[in-house]
Protein backbone atom coordinates (compact mmCIF):
# COMPACT_ATOMS: atom_id res chain seq x y z
CA UNK A 1 140.78 124.43 39.99
CA UNK A 2 137.49 126.17 39.31
CA UNK A 3 136.74 129.13 37.08
CA UNK A 4 134.62 131.72 38.91
CA UNK A 5 132.96 134.99 37.97
CA UNK A 6 132.34 137.34 40.89
CA UNK A 7 130.29 140.47 40.15
CA UNK A 8 130.93 142.83 43.05
CA UNK A 9 129.01 145.82 41.71
CA UNK A 10 131.39 148.34 43.30
CA UNK A 11 135.00 148.31 44.48
CA UNK A 12 135.46 151.93 45.49
CA UNK A 13 136.58 153.32 42.13
CA UNK A 14 134.27 156.33 42.57
CA UNK A 15 135.23 156.77 46.21
CA UNK A 16 132.24 154.81 47.47
CA UNK A 17 132.62 152.96 50.76
CA UNK A 18 130.23 150.37 52.17
CA UNK A 19 130.12 146.79 53.32
CA UNK A 20 130.20 145.33 49.80
CA UNK A 21 133.26 147.37 48.82
CA UNK A 22 135.05 146.55 52.07
CA UNK A 23 134.23 142.86 51.78
CA UNK A 24 135.49 142.33 48.25
CA UNK A 25 138.59 144.50 48.65
CA UNK A 26 139.47 142.62 51.83
CA UNK A 27 138.97 139.23 50.17
CA UNK A 28 141.12 139.94 47.08
CA UNK A 29 144.41 138.67 48.64
CA UNK A 30 142.73 135.40 49.65
CA UNK A 31 141.03 135.00 46.27
CA UNK A 32 144.42 135.35 44.59
CA UNK A 33 145.77 132.52 46.73
CA UNK A 34 142.72 130.25 46.40
CA UNK A 35 144.03 128.24 43.46
CA UNK A 36 141.01 129.22 41.34
CA UNK A 37 140.83 131.22 38.14
CA UNK A 38 138.67 134.22 39.04
CA UNK A 39 137.20 137.20 37.18
CA UNK A 40 136.06 140.01 39.51
CA UNK A 41 133.83 142.62 37.83
CA UNK A 42 132.90 146.06 39.19
CA UNK A 43 131.63 149.39 37.92
CA UNK A 44 134.11 152.26 37.67
CA UNK A 45 134.96 155.43 35.70
CA UNK A 46 136.95 153.58 33.02
CA UNK A 47 137.42 150.20 31.37
CA UNK A 48 140.45 148.32 32.64
CA UNK A 49 141.74 144.85 33.46
CA UNK A 50 144.30 144.31 36.20
CA UNK A 51 145.96 140.94 36.56
CA UNK A 52 146.79 139.55 39.98
CA UNK A 53 148.03 136.08 39.09
CA UNK A 54 144.94 133.92 38.49
CA UNK A 55 142.67 136.83 39.53
CA UNK A 56 141.53 139.39 36.94
CA UNK A 57 139.94 142.56 38.34
CA UNK A 58 137.78 144.03 35.57
CA UNK A 59 136.54 147.61 35.82
CA UNK A 60 133.56 148.53 33.65
CA UNK A 61 132.63 152.08 32.65
CA UNK A 62 128.83 152.42 32.25
CA UNK A 63 127.89 153.33 28.68
CA UNK A 64 124.37 154.39 29.67
CA UNK A 65 125.08 155.61 33.22
CA UNK A 66 122.07 155.64 35.51
CA UNK A 67 122.86 157.35 38.80
CA UNK A 68 121.43 155.55 41.83
CA UNK A 69 123.51 157.26 44.52
CA UNK A 70 125.84 160.28 44.81
CA UNK A 71 128.80 158.00 44.05
CA UNK A 72 127.21 155.11 42.14
CA UNK A 73 126.05 154.45 38.60
CA UNK A 74 124.65 151.32 36.96
CA UNK A 75 124.59 150.38 33.29
CA UNK A 76 121.44 148.82 31.78
CA UNK A 77 123.35 147.84 28.60
CA UNK A 78 126.32 146.15 30.29
CA UNK A 79 125.84 143.00 28.21
CA UNK A 80 126.40 145.03 25.01
CA UNK A 81 129.68 146.62 26.09
CA UNK A 82 133.18 145.36 25.39
CA UNK A 83 133.78 144.06 28.97
CA UNK A 84 130.33 142.47 28.91
CA UNK A 85 130.96 140.70 25.61
CA UNK A 86 134.38 139.58 26.84
CA UNK A 87 132.90 137.90 29.91
CA UNK A 88 129.93 136.47 28.03
CA UNK A 89 132.28 134.50 25.76
CA UNK A 90 133.72 132.59 28.74
CA UNK A 91 132.24 129.65 30.58
CA UNK A 92 132.38 129.36 34.36
CA UNK A 93 131.94 126.76 37.05
CA UNK A 94 130.10 129.23 39.27
CA UNK A 95 128.88 132.82 39.02
CA UNK A 96 128.35 135.03 42.08
CA UNK A 97 126.91 138.53 42.30
CA UNK A 98 126.19 141.01 45.08
CA UNK A 99 123.71 143.42 43.52
CA UNK A 100 120.19 142.87 42.09
CA UNK A 101 120.87 145.51 39.42
CA UNK A 102 121.70 145.23 35.69
CA UNK A 103 125.12 143.76 36.53
CA UNK A 104 123.41 141.13 38.67
CA UNK A 105 121.00 140.14 35.92
CA UNK A 106 123.93 140.07 33.50
CA UNK A 107 125.74 137.71 35.87
CA UNK A 108 122.66 135.50 36.12
CA UNK A 109 122.53 135.27 32.33
CA UNK A 110 126.15 134.15 32.16
CA UNK A 111 125.49 131.44 34.74
CA UNK A 112 122.61 130.13 32.64
CA UNK A 113 124.73 130.08 29.48
CA UNK A 114 127.55 128.36 31.38
CA UNK A 115 125.12 125.83 32.86
CA UNK A 116 126.54 126.50 36.32
CA UNK A 117 125.18 127.57 39.72
CA UNK A 118 124.31 131.17 40.45
CA UNK A 119 125.09 132.49 43.94
CA UNK A 120 123.44 135.80 44.89
CA UNK A 121 124.92 137.41 48.00
CA UNK A 122 122.42 139.45 50.03
CA UNK A 123 124.08 142.55 51.45
CA UNK A 124 121.56 145.38 51.72
CA UNK A 125 117.97 145.77 52.93
CA UNK A 126 116.95 147.65 49.79
CA UNK A 127 113.23 147.50 50.48
CA UNK A 128 113.74 149.27 53.83
CA UNK A 129 115.93 151.88 52.16
CA UNK A 130 113.32 152.56 49.48
CA UNK A 131 110.50 152.80 52.00
CA UNK A 132 112.36 155.21 54.28
CA UNK A 133 113.66 157.45 51.49
CA UNK A 134 110.34 157.80 49.66
CA UNK A 135 108.42 158.24 52.88
CA UNK A 136 110.69 161.19 53.69
CA UNK A 137 110.29 162.64 50.20
CA UNK A 138 106.61 162.05 49.49
CA UNK A 139 104.85 160.71 52.59
CA UNK A 140 103.93 157.40 54.15
CA UNK A 141 101.83 156.05 51.25
CA UNK A 142 104.58 156.69 48.71
CA UNK A 143 107.14 155.14 51.04
CA UNK A 144 105.09 152.00 51.58
CA UNK A 145 104.50 151.67 47.84
CA UNK A 146 108.20 152.11 47.04
CA UNK A 147 109.10 149.51 49.67
CA UNK A 148 106.60 147.02 48.26
CA UNK A 149 107.83 147.50 44.68
CA UNK A 150 111.46 147.12 45.74
CA UNK A 151 110.61 144.02 47.76
CA UNK A 152 109.02 142.33 44.74
CA UNK A 153 112.02 143.23 42.56
CA UNK A 154 114.61 142.04 45.10
CA UNK A 155 112.93 138.76 45.97
CA UNK A 156 112.16 137.98 42.32
CA UNK A 157 115.90 138.27 41.73
CA UNK A 158 117.08 136.24 44.73
CA UNK A 159 114.53 133.50 44.16
CA UNK A 160 116.27 132.75 40.87
CA UNK A 161 119.57 131.97 42.62
CA UNK A 162 120.85 128.53 43.54
CA UNK A 163 122.21 129.68 46.91
CA UNK A 164 121.93 132.95 48.87
CA UNK A 165 124.63 133.89 51.41
CA UNK A 166 123.47 136.42 54.05
CA UNK A 167 125.71 138.43 56.39
CA UNK A 168 124.03 137.57 59.70
CA UNK A 169 121.86 134.93 61.34
CA UNK A 170 118.85 137.19 61.74
CA UNK A 171 118.92 138.13 58.05
CA UNK A 172 119.37 134.47 57.12
CA UNK A 173 116.30 133.54 59.13
CA UNK A 174 114.22 136.31 57.58
CA UNK A 175 115.28 135.40 54.03
CA UNK A 176 114.80 131.68 54.60
CA UNK A 177 111.12 132.32 55.27
CA UNK A 178 110.72 134.22 52.00
CA UNK A 179 113.06 132.53 49.52
CA UNK A 180 113.09 129.16 47.80
CA UNK A 181 116.90 128.71 47.48
CA UNK A 182 118.93 127.68 50.53
CA UNK A 183 120.22 130.62 52.59
CA UNK A 184 123.55 130.40 54.41
CA UNK A 185 125.44 132.78 56.69
CA UNK A 186 128.53 134.46 55.23
CA UNK A 187 129.68 136.95 57.84
CA UNK A 188 132.43 139.56 57.61
CA UNK A 189 135.88 140.15 59.01
CA UNK A 190 138.01 143.12 59.97
CA UNK A 191 141.61 144.19 59.42
CA UNK A 192 142.85 144.22 63.00
CA UNK A 193 146.27 145.57 62.02
CA UNK A 194 144.82 148.64 60.30
CA UNK A 195 142.08 149.28 62.85
CA UNK A 196 144.11 149.28 66.04
CA UNK A 197 144.07 151.29 69.30
CA UNK A 198 147.82 151.91 68.90
CA UNK A 199 147.06 154.55 66.25
CA UNK A 200 145.65 156.88 68.90
CA UNK A 201 147.54 160.19 69.13
CA UNK A 202 145.21 162.64 70.88
CA UNK A 203 145.75 163.48 74.54
CA UNK A 204 142.92 165.88 75.43
CA UNK A 205 140.14 164.84 77.81
CA UNK A 206 137.13 165.71 75.62
CA UNK A 207 134.93 162.62 75.12
CA UNK A 208 134.57 161.91 71.41
CA UNK A 209 131.72 159.84 70.02
CA UNK A 210 132.02 158.58 66.46
CA UNK A 211 129.64 157.57 63.67
CA UNK A 212 130.98 156.08 60.42
CA UNK A 213 128.76 155.21 57.48
CA UNK A 214 126.40 156.63 54.91
CA UNK A 215 124.91 159.90 56.02
CA UNK A 216 121.40 159.00 54.94
CA UNK A 217 117.90 158.95 56.46
CA UNK A 218 117.73 155.16 56.50
CA UNK A 219 120.59 155.11 59.02
CA UNK A 220 118.31 156.68 61.68
CA UNK A 221 120.70 159.61 62.12
CA UNK A 222 117.88 161.83 63.38
CA UNK A 223 118.45 160.04 66.70
CA UNK A 224 122.04 161.27 66.82
CA UNK A 225 120.83 164.79 66.07
CA UNK A 226 118.45 164.59 69.01
CA UNK A 227 121.08 163.13 71.36
CA UNK A 228 123.93 165.50 70.53
CA UNK A 229 122.11 168.77 69.73
CA UNK A 230 122.39 170.11 73.29
CA UNK A 231 125.02 167.78 74.69
CA UNK A 232 128.02 169.48 76.29
CA UNK A 233 129.91 166.50 77.72
CA UNK A 234 130.65 164.71 74.43
CA UNK A 235 131.63 165.74 70.91
CA UNK A 236 130.32 163.91 67.83
CA UNK A 237 132.39 163.13 64.72
CA UNK A 238 130.60 161.96 61.57
CA UNK A 239 132.59 160.15 58.88
CA UNK A 240 130.87 159.58 55.55
CA UNK A 241 128.68 161.32 53.03
CA UNK A 242 125.15 161.10 51.71
CA UNK A 243 121.83 162.84 51.16
CA UNK A 244 121.29 163.69 54.86
CA UNK A 245 124.63 165.46 55.20
CA UNK A 246 123.48 169.08 54.73
CA UNK A 247 120.51 168.62 57.03
CA UNK A 248 122.66 167.05 59.71
CA UNK A 249 125.29 169.78 59.45
CA UNK A 250 122.62 172.44 59.86
CA UNK A 251 121.15 170.74 62.92
CA UNK A 252 124.52 169.88 64.51
CA UNK A 253 126.83 172.81 63.67
CA UNK A 254 129.07 171.89 66.62
CA UNK A 255 129.79 168.37 65.27
CA UNK A 256 132.76 167.49 63.10
CA UNK A 257 132.01 166.21 59.58
CA UNK A 258 135.00 164.70 57.77
CA UNK A 259 133.39 163.37 54.60
CA UNK A 260 134.54 159.99 53.31
CA UNK A 261 137.76 158.59 54.75
CA UNK A 262 139.63 155.40 53.96
CA UNK A 263 142.79 153.59 55.00
CA UNK A 264 145.06 155.07 57.63
CA UNK A 265 143.06 158.32 57.83
CA UNK A 266 139.94 156.37 58.77
CA UNK A 267 141.85 154.19 61.22
CA UNK A 268 143.22 157.32 62.89
CA UNK A 269 139.74 158.76 63.45
CA UNK A 270 138.57 155.49 65.01
CA UNK A 271 141.58 155.30 67.33
CA UNK A 272 141.23 158.95 68.39
CA UNK A 273 137.60 158.42 69.41
CA UNK A 274 136.24 157.09 72.72
CA UNK A 275 133.02 155.34 71.75
CA UNK A 276 131.04 154.40 68.65
CA UNK A 277 127.36 155.13 68.01
CA UNK A 278 125.45 153.27 65.29
CA UNK A 279 121.69 153.94 65.43
CA UNK A 280 120.72 152.14 62.20
CA UNK A 281 117.72 149.80 62.14
CA UNK A 282 118.37 148.64 58.56
CA UNK A 283 121.94 147.31 58.40
CA UNK A 284 122.31 143.63 57.65
CA UNK A 285 125.59 143.47 59.62
CA UNK A 286 127.71 146.63 59.88
CA UNK A 287 131.41 146.39 58.97
CA UNK A 288 131.96 149.74 60.67
CA UNK A 289 130.90 148.24 64.00
CA UNK A 290 133.66 145.67 63.68
CA UNK A 291 136.16 148.37 62.69
CA UNK A 292 135.24 150.39 65.77
CA UNK A 293 135.56 147.36 68.04
CA UNK A 294 138.91 146.47 66.50
CA UNK A 295 140.02 150.04 67.25
CA UNK A 296 139.24 149.52 70.92
CA UNK A 297 135.92 151.38 71.08
CA UNK A 298 132.83 150.28 73.00
CA UNK A 299 129.85 150.43 70.67
CA UNK A 300 126.16 151.26 70.96
CA UNK A 301 123.84 149.65 68.40
CA UNK A 302 120.10 149.12 68.16
CA UNK A 303 118.33 145.81 68.69
CA UNK A 304 117.45 145.63 65.00
CA UNK A 305 119.00 143.32 62.40
CA UNK A 306 122.67 142.39 62.04
CA UNK A 307 124.76 144.77 64.19
CA UNK A 308 123.34 143.32 67.40
CA UNK A 309 125.00 140.00 66.56
CA UNK A 310 128.43 141.65 66.76
CA UNK A 311 127.94 143.03 70.28
CA UNK A 312 128.10 141.22 73.60
CA UNK A 313 125.60 143.41 75.46
CA UNK A 314 127.11 144.91 78.59
CA UNK A 315 130.58 143.58 77.78
CA UNK A 316 131.76 144.99 74.41
CA UNK A 317 129.04 147.61 74.17
CA UNK A 318 125.30 148.04 74.47
CA UNK A 319 122.33 146.83 72.42
CA UNK A 320 119.59 149.44 72.78
CA UNK A 321 116.01 148.26 72.32
CA UNK A 322 114.65 151.83 72.21
CA UNK A 323 115.78 155.43 71.77
CA UNK A 324 115.63 155.82 75.54
CA UNK A 325 117.96 152.86 76.05
CA UNK A 326 120.31 154.26 73.40
CA UNK A 327 120.50 157.54 75.32
CA UNK A 328 121.01 155.73 78.63
CA UNK A 329 123.88 153.70 77.14
CA UNK A 330 125.44 156.89 75.79
CA UNK A 331 125.15 158.55 79.21
CA UNK A 332 126.92 155.59 80.85
CA UNK A 333 129.81 155.48 78.41
CA UNK A 334 130.30 159.24 78.44
CA UNK A 335 130.07 159.49 82.20
CA UNK A 336 132.12 156.47 83.30
CA UNK A 337 135.65 156.48 81.79
CA UNK A 338 136.73 153.14 83.39
CA UNK A 339 133.71 151.46 81.79
CA UNK A 340 134.71 152.82 78.37
CA UNK A 341 138.24 151.52 78.85
CA UNK A 342 137.15 148.06 79.97
CA UNK A 343 134.53 147.63 77.26
CA UNK A 344 136.91 148.96 74.60
CA UNK A 345 139.54 146.39 75.55
CA UNK A 346 136.96 143.59 75.44
CA UNK A 347 135.64 144.85 72.10
CA UNK A 348 139.13 144.67 70.66
CA UNK A 349 139.52 141.09 71.88
CA UNK A 350 136.19 140.08 70.30
CA UNK A 351 137.01 141.74 66.97
CA UNK A 352 140.35 139.92 66.78
CA UNK A 353 138.42 136.68 66.20
CA UNK A 354 136.84 138.04 63.00
CA UNK A 355 139.44 137.17 60.35
CA UNK A 356 138.99 137.82 56.63
CA UNK A 357 140.82 134.55 55.91
CA UNK A 358 137.97 132.69 57.63
CA UNK A 359 135.41 134.62 55.58
CA UNK A 360 137.23 133.69 52.37
CA UNK A 361 137.33 130.01 53.38
CA UNK A 362 133.62 130.12 54.18
CA UNK A 363 132.76 131.73 50.84
CA UNK A 364 134.74 129.14 48.90
CA UNK A 365 133.10 126.32 50.87
CA UNK A 366 129.68 127.75 49.93
CA UNK A 367 130.80 127.72 46.30
CA UNK A 368 131.65 124.02 46.65
CA UNK A 369 128.23 123.39 48.19
CA UNK A 370 126.46 125.22 45.37
CA UNK A 371 128.39 123.32 42.70
CA UNK A 372 127.74 119.97 44.39
CA UNK A 373 124.03 120.66 44.77
CA UNK A 374 123.72 121.92 41.21
CA UNK A 375 125.53 118.87 39.85
CA UNK A 376 123.45 116.45 41.92
CA UNK A 377 120.21 118.13 40.85
CA UNK A 378 121.22 117.98 37.20
CA UNK A 379 122.42 114.39 37.50
CA UNK A 380 120.27 112.63 40.13
CA UNK A 381 120.91 109.11 38.83
CA UNK A 382 124.69 109.43 38.99
CA UNK A 383 125.18 109.13 35.22
CA UNK A 384 127.95 111.13 33.54
CA UNK A 385 127.17 114.84 33.29
CA UNK A 386 126.80 116.14 29.78
CA UNK A 387 128.38 119.46 28.92
CA UNK A 388 131.46 121.16 30.30
CA UNK A 389 133.62 119.81 33.09
CA UNK A 390 133.46 121.38 36.51
CA UNK A 391 137.26 121.67 36.50
CA UNK A 392 138.54 123.13 33.23
């Protein structure tokens, strides 16, 4: 049995939804059954500890809250707080974090004090986000500067890890060229029972296209505005929230905006749609693409980064290499109902192979690799290791 500290950053306590939140919440049942003693730390509106057998889920209320997003705060003094002091008094066999923020640096510090490996999971292309947001706010020069600063910060953090899991092969390859630690693929799964075509209840003939995710400039949603502004043969539903919401509502008054949805309500919207559109160029994988496929929807993604690895082009959806190709794919799926049906069925079949249990097994195997490598590096001659045991 190993003792692990996993710093998730966020678990949805403020209503936030993204790939990190989905991943950790989906893995909790498998972590409980792993046979390890695990502390899982996340920010939230209050301090609390919930016990799930050998798994402790610790919620930390920021004492000096710094808002980084409409539904996210970080705490630069986390190490001085009661939950921080509680965790700092423990020793671990491995520490993992998912955010290069104060909680991530706090986690790194605990790994150093515990003399154990530090695993930093790469989830988000933060440098792209910074560049796009600041370019929109203050122009190209400001955007490029913000992207460069964020890049230095992010890669300084990840270069201090012992192992870096990445969500897709293309992201792994990009990181491997820029980082010193080994980079491994840790993909994502989908709940195929929750996201299921059987939840469909609507019977009208209107074609419904769906987007789910952050409503933010870095998601390339201006393309959806252009494609649906004058379209009469398909209706767009947007699920999510973010800084581009008001602008998008003004430009697409005919679209439906639901705000954030979770659970059965989200599954219902997927099942009641006919196709999924995801124009992002910055996503490292795209859990929502898997959720759409599991719900029986053909998907359209761009040829950039992780989402393209989820799609079998021409079979479960389309990979568009340009805005023109994106529009052409949309025209085909809107105009050819049998194609939508066939691709949706094949998308469902492909998604059924993406099990969270496999993701959990992969993550735990990466932990074993990190511990082995760390131990071998610290003890190259094979002599007994000084300090704490790897199995308390």
